[in-house]
Amino acid sequence: MAAIICGSLAFDTIMTFEGRFAEQILPDQLHILNISFLVPALRRDFGGCAGNIAYGLKLLGGNPLPMATVGSDGLDYIARLRAQGISTEFVREVGDTYTAQCFITTDMANNQITAFHPGAMQQAHLTKIAPRSDVRLGIISPDGRDAMLQHAEQFKAAGIPFVFDPGQGLPMFDGKELAHFVELAAWVTVNDYEGKMLSDRTGWSSAELSRRVQGLIVTLGAEGSEVWVDGEKTLVPPVKASAVVDPTGCGDAYRGALLYGLEQGWSLARCAALGNRIGALKIAQRGPQNYTLDLKEIGL
C-alpha cells in the first residue's frame, strides 16, 4: 500500500540562539519590535513537511509518494529522494523559481522562530490526485493554499481517506474553510497550539471535532499525545528522549509514524504511541531527516 503525502519540499536553514527568546523581548515594546539574535551554530538541511514525513514513513517500511514541487535549485533534493528509494513521480520541478526555503531559529528552551519563503510550493496545485489501486491513504500537510484546498477535494473524490494536518498553514484559512477540511478528512492531527486555533476558528471543541472524523490526534510535545475518538479523550504517555538536541521535524516524524500505523490498521492510540517514540528518537538528532531507526528495537 502507498500513501500520497501532500506538502512542501524545502531547504531548512537551522540556527541556534544560545539564550531564550523570552529574555530578549520586552512585552511593553512589541509595537516597536526591533531585535537581533546572534546564532553561532548554523546548518542547512533537506526539509519540508512532505519530505520529512516521507523520510519517516520510508524508514518504518512504508511506501511514501510525496506530492510536492521544487524549484530550479531542487535537483539535489530529487536525487536524495531517489537514493532513499522514495518515488518522485509526483514531484514537479518549476524552473523559474526557488525551492521553498525555511529559516528556523531555535533557542535554549526549544522555542522556534520561523521565516518561510514558499517559492515553487505556490505551484503545488498543478499536480492532481486521481484514484489509484495501490493508494489507500493520504495526508494533507502544510502546502500552497490552493493545493491544500484542491487536494482535499481530490482525495475525497478519489475515495482516498486522508489525514488533515494543517500545521503552520492553518492561519491561511478561516473557520468555514477549516470546517470543510474537517468534513472531507478521515482524521485530523494538530499540535496543542494549532488545536486551540482550530477550535477557535471552527467553534468546535476537541470532542466535537473528533465526532466529525474517525479520530483527532493532538500532540503535546514532551507531554505525549491526546487521542480523541467519538468525543472521548485518551492520553498517550510520552517517551523520554535520550537527548534534546533539535525539535525541527519532530511533528513530521510523528506523522510518518501515524501514517504507518494507519496503514497497518492499528488503533489511533497505538499509532500515537509509535509517534511519541519516533519523535523522541528524532529530537535527539540535528535536522529533520538525519535520524535512523532500528526496527527491532522499536518492536516492528
Protein backbone atom coordinates (compact mmCIF):
# COMPACT_ATOMS: atom_id res chain seq x y z
CA MET A 1 0.00 0.00 0.00
CA ALA A 2 1.23 3.51 -0.84
CA ALA A 3 0.43 6.83 0.82
CA ILE A 4 0.28 10.15 -1.04
CA ILE A 5 1.95 12.85 1.06
CA CYS A 6 0.90 16.35 0.00
CA GLY A 7 3.08 19.13 1.35
CA SER A 8 6.30 21.02 0.91
CA LEU A 9 9.82 20.05 -0.05
CA ALA A 10 12.07 22.71 1.38
CA PHE A 11 15.62 23.54 2.33
CA ASP A 12 15.88 24.28 6.05
CA THR A 13 18.44 26.73 7.33
CA ILE A 14 18.57 25.97 11.05
CA MET A 15 20.18 28.34 13.52
CA THR A 16 20.71 28.08 17.27
CA PHE A 17 20.38 31.05 19.61
CA GLU A 18 22.26 30.40 22.84
CA GLY A 19 19.72 32.11 25.04
CA ARG A 20 15.97 32.38 25.49
CA PHE A 21 13.72 34.46 23.26
CA ALA A 22 11.58 35.45 26.23
CA GLU A 23 14.56 37.14 27.88
CA GLN A 24 15.22 39.30 24.80
CA ILE A 25 11.71 40.53 24.02
CA LEU A 26 10.21 43.34 26.09
CA PRO A 27 6.41 42.85 26.23
CA ASP A 28 5.70 46.59 26.56
CA GLN A 29 7.80 47.34 23.44
CA LEU A 30 6.19 44.90 20.98
CA HIS A 31 4.77 47.80 18.95
CA ILE A 32 8.32 48.86 18.01
CA LEU A 33 9.96 45.43 17.97
CA ASN A 34 13.48 45.52 16.51
CA ILE A 35 15.54 42.58 17.66
CA SER A 36 18.57 40.60 16.52
CA PHE A 37 19.79 37.19 17.68
CA LEU A 38 23.42 36.04 17.47
CA VAL A 39 23.37 32.47 16.10
CA PRO A 40 26.84 30.85 16.34
CA ALA A 41 25.53 27.49 15.05
CA LEU A 42 24.02 27.21 11.56
CA ARG A 43 23.29 24.26 9.27
CA ARG A 44 21.34 23.61 6.08
CA ASP A 45 19.21 20.50 5.77
CA PHE A 46 16.70 18.86 3.49
CA GLY A 47 13.28 19.54 4.96
CA GLY A 48 9.70 20.47 4.23
CA CYS A 49 6.71 18.60 5.63
CA ALA A 50 6.23 16.23 2.67
CA GLY A 51 9.93 15.35 2.60
CA ASN A 52 10.16 14.87 6.36
CA ILE A 53 7.01 12.73 6.58
CA ALA A 54 8.08 10.64 3.59
CA TYR A 55 11.51 10.10 5.17
CA GLY A 56 9.99 8.84 8.41
CA LEU A 57 7.42 6.60 6.71
CA LYS A 58 10.12 5.08 4.48
CA LEU A 59 12.33 4.30 7.50
CA LEU A 60 9.41 2.43 9.05
CA GLY A 61 8.96 0.33 5.92
CA GLY A 62 6.12 2.25 4.29
CA ASN A 63 5.78 3.37 0.68
CA PRO A 64 5.52 7.17 0.60
CA LEU A 65 4.56 9.10 -2.54
CA PRO A 66 5.43 12.75 -1.87
CA MET A 67 3.35 15.17 -3.95
CA ALA A 68 5.28 18.43 -3.98
CA THR A 69 7.15 20.97 -6.06
CA VAL A 70 10.78 22.06 -6.23
CA GLY A 71 12.40 24.98 -7.99
CA SER A 72 15.41 25.28 -10.26
CA ASP A 73 17.67 24.53 -7.27
CA GLY A 74 15.84 21.32 -6.36
CA LEU A 75 17.70 18.66 -8.35
CA ASP A 76 19.76 17.65 -5.31
CA TYR A 77 16.57 17.07 -3.35
CA ILE A 78 15.09 14.90 -6.11
CA ALA A 79 18.32 12.88 -6.24
CA ARG A 80 18.26 12.43 -2.46
CA LEU A 81 14.68 11.11 -2.52
CA ARG A 82 15.53 8.63 -5.25
CA ALA A 83 18.64 7.47 -3.40
CA GLN A 84 16.41 6.69 -0.41
CA GLY A 85 14.09 4.63 -2.59
CA ILE A 86 11.31 7.23 -2.41
CA SER A 87 9.32 7.70 -5.61
CA THR A 88 9.46 11.15 -7.21
CA GLU A 89 6.67 10.56 -9.75
CA PHE A 90 4.56 13.26 -8.08
CA VAL A 91 7.42 15.73 -7.56
CA ARG A 92 7.13 18.59 -10.07
CA GLU A 93 10.06 20.86 -10.99
CA VAL A 94 9.22 24.54 -11.55
CA GLY A 95 12.11 26.13 -13.38
CA ASP A 96 11.57 29.85 -12.80
CA THR A 97 11.58 29.94 -9.01
CA TYR A 98 13.42 28.63 -5.95
CA THR A 99 12.54 25.58 -3.91
CA ALA A 100 10.75 26.57 -0.70
CA GLN A 101 13.15 27.85 1.96
CA CYS A 102 12.65 27.70 5.71
CA PHE A 103 14.77 29.72 8.15
CA ILE A 104 14.43 28.43 11.70
CA THR A 105 15.99 29.88 14.85
CA THR A 106 15.78 27.72 17.98
CA ASP A 107 16.53 28.95 21.49
CA MET A 108 17.76 27.01 24.52
CA ALA A 109 14.16 26.27 25.60
CA ASN A 110 13.44 24.69 22.19
CA ASN A 111 11.19 27.58 21.19
CA GLN A 112 11.39 28.39 17.49
CA ILE A 113 11.01 31.47 15.30
CA THR A 114 10.49 30.55 11.64
CA ALA A 115 10.50 32.53 8.39
CA PHE A 116 9.26 30.69 5.31
CA HIS A 117 9.61 31.51 1.61
CA PRO A 118 7.14 29.33 -0.35
CA GLY A 119 8.79 29.58 -3.77
CA ALA A 120 7.80 26.65 -6.01
CA MET A 121 5.35 25.43 -3.38
CA GLN A 122 2.87 28.00 -4.66
CA GLN A 123 2.52 25.89 -7.82
CA ALA A 124 1.76 22.66 -5.95
CA HIS A 125 -1.90 22.75 -7.01
CA LEU A 126 -0.88 21.96 -10.61
CA THR A 127 -0.37 18.30 -9.65
CA LYS A 128 -3.67 16.43 -9.34
CA ILE A 129 -4.78 13.43 -7.28
CA ALA A 130 -6.61 10.65 -9.09
CA PRO A 131 -7.78 7.17 -7.98
CA ARG A 132 -5.07 4.50 -7.96
CA SER A 133 -5.41 0.90 -6.88
CA ASP A 134 -2.17 0.99 -4.87
CA VAL A 135 -3.03 4.18 -2.94
CA ARG A 136 -5.25 3.69 0.09
CA LEU A 137 -4.21 6.62 2.27
CA GLY A 138 -3.09 10.24 2.09
CA ILE A 139 -2.16 13.26 4.15
CA ILE A 140 -2.51 16.99 3.53
CA SER A 141 0.28 18.80 5.36
CA PRO A 142 1.24 22.49 5.03
CA ASP A 143 1.48 23.41 1.35
CA GLY A 144 0.34 26.12 -1.04
CA ARG A 145 -3.12 27.38 -0.11
CA ASP A 146 -4.71 26.37 -3.43
CA ALA A 147 -3.03 22.97 -3.29
CA MET A 148 -4.37 22.22 0.17
CA LEU A 149 -7.92 23.18 -0.83
CA GLN A 150 -7.88 21.32 -4.14
CA HIS A 151 -6.08 18.20 -2.93
CA ALA A 152 -8.61 17.75 -0.12
CA GLU A 153 -11.43 17.75 -2.66
CA GLN A 154 -9.48 15.42 -4.95
CA PHE A 155 -8.76 12.93 -2.15
CA LYS A 156 -12.46 12.83 -1.32
CA ALA A 157 -13.49 12.43 -4.97
CA ALA A 158 -10.94 9.63 -5.42
CA GLY A 159 -12.22 7.78 -2.36
CA ILE A 160 -8.84 8.01 -0.61
CA PRO A 161 -9.15 8.65 3.15
CA PHE A 162 -6.71 11.29 4.32
CA VAL A 163 -5.23 12.93 7.38
CA PHE A 164 -5.72 16.70 7.61
CA ASP A 165 -2.53 18.16 9.12
CA PRO A 166 -2.81 21.96 8.72
CA GLY A 167 0.27 22.77 10.79
CA GLN A 168 1.72 26.20 10.18
CA GLY A 169 -0.62 26.58 7.21
CA LEU A 170 -3.65 26.78 9.50
CA PRO A 171 -3.73 30.62 9.74
CA MET A 172 -4.31 30.81 5.93
CA PHE A 173 -7.88 29.52 6.35
CA ASP A 174 -10.99 30.91 8.00
CA GLY A 175 -13.41 28.91 10.10
CA LYS A 176 -15.66 27.93 7.21
CA GLU A 177 -12.73 26.60 5.16
CA LEU A 178 -11.28 24.69 8.12
CA ALA A 179 -14.67 23.16 8.86
CA HIS A 180 -14.86 21.97 5.25
CA PHE A 181 -11.42 20.36 5.53
CA VAL A 182 -12.63 18.50 8.61
CA GLU A 183 -15.77 17.36 6.80
CA LEU A 184 -13.66 15.90 3.97
CA ALA A 185 -10.96 14.32 6.15
CA ALA A 186 -10.90 10.92 7.85
CA TRP A 187 -8.50 12.07 10.60
CA VAL A 188 -7.17 15.39 11.91
CA THR A 189 -3.82 15.92 13.61
CA VAL A 190 -2.56 19.14 15.21
CA ASN A 191 -0.26 20.20 18.00
CA ASP A 192 -1.81 21.73 21.12
CA TYR A 193 -1.44 25.33 19.89
CA GLU A 194 -2.89 24.52 16.48
CA GLY A 195 -5.67 22.58 18.17
CA LYS A 196 -6.72 25.65 20.14
CA MET A 197 -6.67 27.76 16.97
CA LEU A 198 -8.66 25.15 15.05
CA SER A 199 -11.29 25.04 17.80
CA ASP A 200 -11.42 28.83 18.00
CA ARG A 201 -11.94 29.27 14.25
CA THR A 202 -14.44 26.45 13.74
CA GLY A 203 -16.27 26.88 17.04
CA TRP A 204 -15.88 23.14 17.68
CA SER A 205 -14.23 21.73 20.79
CA SER A 206 -11.78 18.85 20.51
CA ALA A 207 -14.59 16.49 21.47
CA GLU A 208 -16.86 17.93 18.78
CA LEU A 209 -14.11 17.79 16.17
CA SER A 210 -13.46 14.13 16.95
CA ARG A 211 -17.11 13.27 16.35
CA ARG A 212 -16.87 14.61 12.80
CA VAL A 213 -13.94 12.39 11.80
CA GLN A 214 -12.63 8.95 12.66
CA GLY A 215 -10.25 10.49 15.16
CA LEU A 216 -8.39 13.62 16.29
CA ILE A 217 -4.77 13.47 17.41
CA VAL A 218 -3.26 16.35 19.42
CA THR A 219 0.48 16.23 20.03
CA LEU A 220 1.72 17.73 23.29
CA GLY A 221 5.49 17.64 22.81
CA ALA A 222 7.20 16.29 25.92
CA GLU A 223 3.78 15.58 27.48
CA GLY A 224 2.83 12.92 24.91
CA SER A 225 -0.35 12.93 22.82
CA GLU A 226 -4.11 13.17 23.14
CA VAL A 227 -6.22 10.83 21.03
CA TRP A 228 -9.87 11.79 20.65
CA VAL A 229 -12.39 9.28 19.25
CA ASP A 230 -16.16 9.88 19.35
CA GLY A 231 -15.73 12.66 21.88
CA GLU A 232 -13.63 10.60 24.29
CA LYS A 233 -10.02 11.52 25.11
CA THR A 234 -7.16 9.10 25.72
CA LEU A 235 -3.81 10.44 26.91
CA VAL A 236 -0.91 8.51 25.36
CA PRO A 237 2.15 8.96 27.59
CA PRO A 238 5.39 10.42 26.25
CA VAL A 239 8.64 8.62 25.58
CA LYS A 240 11.65 10.24 27.24
CA ALA A 241 14.30 11.28 24.71
CA SER A 242 17.90 10.27 25.29
CA ALA A 243 18.86 13.87 24.50
CA VAL A 244 17.03 17.03 23.46
CA VAL A 245 19.07 18.37 20.55
CA ASP A 246 16.77 19.79 17.86
CA PRO A 247 12.93 19.81 17.71
CA THR A 248 12.86 20.60 13.98
CA GLY A 249 10.84 17.94 12.17
CA CYS A 250 9.63 16.12 15.29
CA GLY A 251 5.99 16.65 14.33
CA ASP A 252 6.66 15.32 10.84
CA ALA A 253 8.46 12.25 12.21
CA TYR A 254 5.39 11.65 14.38
CA ARG A 255 3.12 11.92 11.34
CA GLY A 256 5.20 9.43 9.41
CA ALA A 257 4.57 7.00 12.27
CA LEU A 258 0.88 7.87 12.28
CA LEU A 259 0.59 7.02 8.59
CA TYR A 260 2.47 3.76 9.11
CA GLY A 261 0.13 2.72 11.90
CA LEU A 262 -2.98 3.65 9.92
CA GLU A 263 -1.68 1.56 7.00
CA GLN A 264 -1.39 -1.39 9.39
CA GLY A 265 -4.94 -0.93 10.67
CA TRP A 266 -3.82 -0.03 14.20
CA SER A 267 -5.90 1.86 16.73
CA LEU A 268 -5.16 5.58 16.96
CA ALA A 269 -3.75 5.11 20.46
CA ARG A 270 -1.21 2.59 19.15
CA CYS A 271 -0.36 4.92 16.25
CA ALA A 272 0.19 7.75 18.73
CA ALA A 273 2.42 5.59 20.92
CA LEU A 274 4.67 4.88 17.94
CA GLY A 275 4.58 8.57 17.02
CA ASN A 276 5.73 9.54 20.52
CA ARG A 277 8.60 7.08 20.25
CA ILE A 278 9.76 8.21 16.82
CA GLY A 279 9.50 11.85 17.87
CA ALA A 280 11.74 11.13 20.86
CA LEU A 281 14.32 9.49 18.58
CA LYS A 282 14.22 12.39 16.13
CA ILE A 283 14.66 15.13 18.73
CA ALA A 284 17.98 13.57 19.75
CA GLN A 285 19.41 14.30 16.26
CA ARG A 286 20.02 17.56 14.45
CA GLY A 287 17.96 18.27 11.35
CA PRO A 288 14.64 16.79 10.29
CA GLN A 289 15.99 13.91 8.15
CA ASN A 290 19.14 12.71 9.87
CA TYR A 291 17.80 10.23 12.44
CA THR A 292 17.87 6.47 11.91
CA LEU A 293 15.67 3.65 13.22
CA ASP A 294 16.32 0.14 14.44
CA LEU A 295 13.02 -1.57 13.63
CA LYS A 296 13.69 -4.47 16.01
CA GLU A 297 14.41 -2.04 18.82
CA ILE A 298 11.04 -0.32 18.35
CA GLY A 299 9.21 -3.61 18.02
CA LEU A 300 8.49 -3.67 14.27
